[in-house]
Amino acid sequence: MNQEILADDLVSQYLDSLQRVISRLPHDDIWRVIRIILAAWRENRQIFILGNGGSAASASHFAVDLAKNIAVPGKGRFRAIALTDNVPYLTALANDEGYENVFSEQLIPLLRTGDVVIGISGSGNSPNVLKAMQIARAAQATTIGLTGFQGGKLKDLVDYCIIVPSDEMKQIEDVHLILEHCICHALKALILASE
């Protein structure tokens, strides 16, 4: 088999598998998360988003889309930040407080009752994400998890969870970004339709 045919087969296999994962996403859970984020916008609540590695990139992307890309002229904007973006602060916390505390230590002075904290973890078992969710729950914030596999420990620490039905991290990370875009697409349409 020549390399072009093999490459085409591999691309098709990956994309077909990804389509199967997307087709099994829990629509009801996605709509619950959209409603929670929309309520945070209406109530001018702060939204904090966090994750590690590829999930850190997704957290940053999600925060940008909420804060800028779905802004509607004449409507209030989302107050969204990714706790992954202040690298000097993140590394200082990791060095001085331990990596498991890099998100929770950022949340402690900023978080208010009713704010929203979104933790992204493909495995659902990242210690620093779990610790942040414990802090968020103690502060009576609304917690959302985006995860994969079977949800890990994260699914039991959050109020709302979207579990990507896959055991492959690369597909889970792909779908987390798709979910973020889907959520923002719906939010912008709902905001445009609101009075």
Protein backbone atom coordinates (compact mmCIF):
# COMPACT_ATOMS: atom_id res chain seq x y z
CA MET A 1 0.00 0.00 0.00
CA ASN A 2 1.48 3.35 -0.94
CA GLN A 3 1.79 6.14 1.61
CA GLU A 4 -0.91 8.37 0.05
CA ILE A 5 -3.54 5.62 0.32
CA LEU A 6 -2.43 4.82 3.87
CA ALA A 7 -2.55 8.49 4.86
CA ASP A 8 -6.03 8.87 3.36
CA ASP A 9 -7.22 5.79 5.28
CA LEU A 10 -5.78 7.13 8.53
CA VAL A 11 -7.40 10.54 8.03
CA SER A 12 -10.75 8.93 7.22
CA GLN A 13 -10.52 6.63 10.25
CA TYR A 14 -9.83 9.53 12.60
CA LEU A 15 -12.53 11.79 11.22
CA ASP A 16 -15.11 8.98 11.10
CA SER A 17 -14.34 8.12 14.70
CA LEU A 18 -14.62 11.78 15.72
CA GLN A 19 -18.00 12.08 13.99
CA ARG A 20 -19.26 9.09 15.97
CA VAL A 21 -18.18 10.75 19.22
CA ILE A 22 -19.88 14.03 18.27
CA SER A 23 -23.09 12.21 17.37
CA ARG A 24 -23.25 10.78 20.92
CA LEU A 25 -22.83 14.07 22.77
CA PRO A 26 -25.44 14.67 25.52
CA HIS A 27 -27.54 17.54 24.10
CA ASP A 28 -29.49 18.03 27.35
CA ASP A 29 -26.26 18.56 29.30
CA ILE A 30 -25.03 21.05 26.69
CA TRP A 31 -28.29 23.04 26.94
CA ARG A 32 -28.04 23.10 30.74
CA VAL A 33 -24.56 24.61 30.50
CA ILE A 34 -25.73 27.18 27.93
CA ARG A 35 -28.55 28.25 30.26
CA ILE A 36 -26.16 28.58 33.23
CA ILE A 37 -23.70 30.71 31.24
CA LEU A 38 -26.54 32.83 29.84
CA ALA A 39 -27.83 33.43 33.37
CA ALA A 40 -24.32 34.49 34.44
CA TRP A 41 -24.30 37.03 31.60
CA ARG A 42 -27.73 38.38 32.60
CA GLU A 43 -26.66 38.68 36.24
CA ASN A 44 -23.24 40.17 35.38
CA ARG A 45 -21.44 37.29 37.10
CA GLN A 46 -17.76 36.51 36.59
CA ILE A 47 -16.86 33.34 34.67
CA PHE A 48 -13.54 31.65 35.43
CA ILE A 49 -12.20 28.93 33.11
CA LEU A 50 -9.25 26.63 33.78
CA GLY A 51 -7.42 23.52 32.62
CA ASN A 52 -3.98 22.02 31.93
CA GLY A 53 -2.09 21.44 28.69
CA GLY A 54 -4.49 21.23 25.76
CA SER A 55 -7.29 22.03 28.19
CA ALA A 56 -5.43 25.23 29.17
CA ALA A 57 -5.48 26.25 25.51
CA SER A 58 -9.21 25.44 25.38
CA ALA A 59 -9.79 27.50 28.54
CA SER A 60 -8.05 30.50 26.98
CA HIS A 61 -9.96 30.07 23.73
CA PHE A 62 -13.29 29.78 25.57
CA ALA A 63 -12.60 32.95 27.59
CA VAL A 64 -11.73 34.93 24.45
CA ASP A 65 -14.85 33.75 22.64
CA LEU A 66 -17.07 34.65 25.59
CA ALA A 67 -15.46 38.03 26.32
CA LYS A 68 -14.93 39.25 22.76
CA ASN A 69 -16.14 37.09 19.91
CA ILE A 70 -19.78 36.90 20.92
CA ALA A 71 -20.06 40.49 22.11
CA VAL A 72 -23.21 42.11 20.74
CA PRO A 73 -23.27 45.92 20.37
CA GLY A 74 -25.67 47.48 22.84
CA LYS A 75 -25.73 44.38 25.07
CA GLY A 76 -23.65 43.70 28.14
CA ARG A 77 -20.51 41.67 27.69
CA PHE A 78 -19.47 38.46 29.36
CA ARG A 79 -17.05 38.83 32.25
CA ALA A 80 -14.85 35.83 31.44
CA ILE A 81 -11.20 35.12 32.18
CA ALA A 82 -9.01 32.06 31.88
CA LEU A 83 -6.91 31.32 34.96
CA THR A 84 -4.31 29.86 32.60
CA ASP A 85 -3.27 33.14 31.03
CA ASN A 86 -1.15 34.93 33.66
CA VAL A 87 2.02 32.85 33.25
CA PRO A 88 4.15 34.72 35.84
CA TYR A 89 1.43 34.32 38.48
CA LEU A 90 0.77 30.71 37.52
CA THR A 91 4.44 29.75 37.76
CA ALA A 92 4.94 31.68 41.01
CA LEU A 93 2.03 29.79 42.54
CA ALA A 94 3.32 26.47 41.20
CA ASN A 95 6.77 27.18 42.64
CA ASP A 96 5.66 28.51 46.03
CA GLU A 97 2.33 26.78 46.70
CA GLY A 98 2.52 23.61 44.61
CA TYR A 99 1.08 22.92 41.18
CA GLU A 100 -2.10 21.46 42.67
CA ASN A 101 -2.91 24.96 43.99
CA VAL A 102 -2.32 27.11 40.88
CA PHE A 103 -6.04 27.60 40.17
CA SER A 104 -7.52 27.48 43.67
CA GLU A 105 -5.11 30.16 44.92
CA GLN A 106 -6.16 32.44 42.06
CA LEU A 107 -9.83 31.86 42.81
CA ILE A 108 -9.70 32.55 46.54
CA PRO A 109 -9.45 36.37 46.34
CA LEU A 110 -11.55 36.75 43.17
CA LEU A 111 -14.48 34.36 43.48
CA ARG A 112 -17.89 35.56 44.64
CA THR A 113 -21.09 33.68 45.39
CA GLY A 114 -22.98 33.06 42.16
CA ASP A 115 -19.94 33.28 39.87
CA VAL A 116 -19.31 30.41 37.45
CA VAL A 117 -16.20 28.23 37.38
CA ILE A 118 -15.60 25.99 34.36
CA GLY A 119 -13.00 23.25 34.76
CA ILE A 120 -11.73 21.46 31.67
CA SER A 121 -9.99 18.11 32.21
CA GLY A 122 -9.94 15.32 29.65
CA SER A 123 -9.44 12.70 32.34
CA GLY A 124 -11.52 14.46 34.95
CA ASN A 125 -8.77 13.74 37.48
CA SER A 126 -6.39 16.73 37.33
CA PRO A 127 -5.63 17.56 40.99
CA ASN A 128 -5.46 21.33 40.44
CA VAL A 129 -8.80 21.37 38.60
CA LEU A 130 -10.41 19.27 41.34
CA LYS A 131 -9.05 21.56 44.07
CA ALA A 132 -10.36 24.63 42.22
CA MET A 133 -13.83 23.05 42.06
CA GLN A 134 -13.75 22.36 45.80
CA ILE A 135 -12.92 26.03 46.45
CA ALA A 136 -15.66 27.12 44.03
CA ARG A 137 -18.27 24.95 45.71
CA ALA A 138 -17.28 26.23 49.15
CA ALA A 139 -17.77 29.80 47.83
CA GLN A 140 -21.21 28.82 46.47
CA ALA A 141 -20.19 29.39 42.86
CA THR A 142 -21.82 27.40 40.08
CA THR A 143 -19.44 24.73 38.79
CA ILE A 144 -19.24 23.22 35.32
CA GLY A 145 -16.98 20.44 34.11
CA LEU A 146 -15.94 19.46 30.60
CA THR A 147 -14.37 16.04 30.65
CA GLY A 148 -14.12 12.69 28.87
CA PHE A 149 -13.65 9.00 29.63
CA GLN A 150 -16.15 8.28 32.41
CA GLY A 151 -15.97 11.80 33.87
CA GLY A 152 -13.33 11.04 36.48
CA LYS A 153 -13.63 12.63 39.91
CA LEU A 154 -14.62 15.93 38.30
CA LYS A 155 -18.15 14.77 37.43
CA ASP A 156 -18.97 14.38 41.13
CA LEU A 157 -17.49 17.76 42.12
CA VAL A 158 -19.46 19.95 39.72
CA ASP A 159 -23.07 21.06 39.41
CA TYR A 160 -23.14 20.43 35.65
CA CYS A 161 -20.90 18.19 33.58
CA ILE A 162 -20.54 17.46 29.89
CA ILE A 163 -18.72 14.15 29.40
CA VAL A 164 -17.34 13.56 25.92
CA PRO A 165 -18.11 9.90 25.18
CA SER A 166 -14.56 8.87 24.25
CA ASP A 167 -11.53 7.22 25.80
CA GLU A 168 -9.07 8.96 23.45
CA MET A 169 -7.59 12.18 24.80
CA LYS A 170 -7.03 13.76 21.39
CA GLN A 171 -10.70 13.29 20.49
CA ILE A 172 -11.81 14.55 23.88
CA GLU A 173 -9.74 17.71 23.39
CA ASP A 174 -11.10 18.14 19.84
CA VAL A 175 -14.67 17.88 21.08
CA HIS A 176 -14.10 20.25 24.01
CA LEU A 177 -13.24 22.95 21.49
CA ILE A 178 -16.27 22.01 19.38
CA LEU A 179 -18.45 22.24 22.51
CA GLU A 180 -17.03 25.65 23.34
CA HIS A 181 -17.86 26.90 19.86
CA CYS A 182 -21.33 25.31 19.98
CA ILE A 183 -22.05 26.93 23.35
CA CYS A 184 -20.86 30.35 22.18
CA HIS A 185 -22.83 30.05 18.92
CA ALA A 186 -26.02 29.36 20.88
CA LEU A 187 -25.28 32.12 23.41
CA LYS A 188 -24.80 34.76 20.73
CA ALA A 189 -28.04 33.76 19.01
CA LEU A 190 -29.93 33.89 22.33
CA ILE A 191 -28.46 37.29 23.18
CA LEU A 192 -29.36 38.68 19.76
CA ALA A 193 -32.92 37.41 20.24
CA SER A 194 -33.25 38.93 23.71
CA GLU A 195 -34.88 42.31 24.26
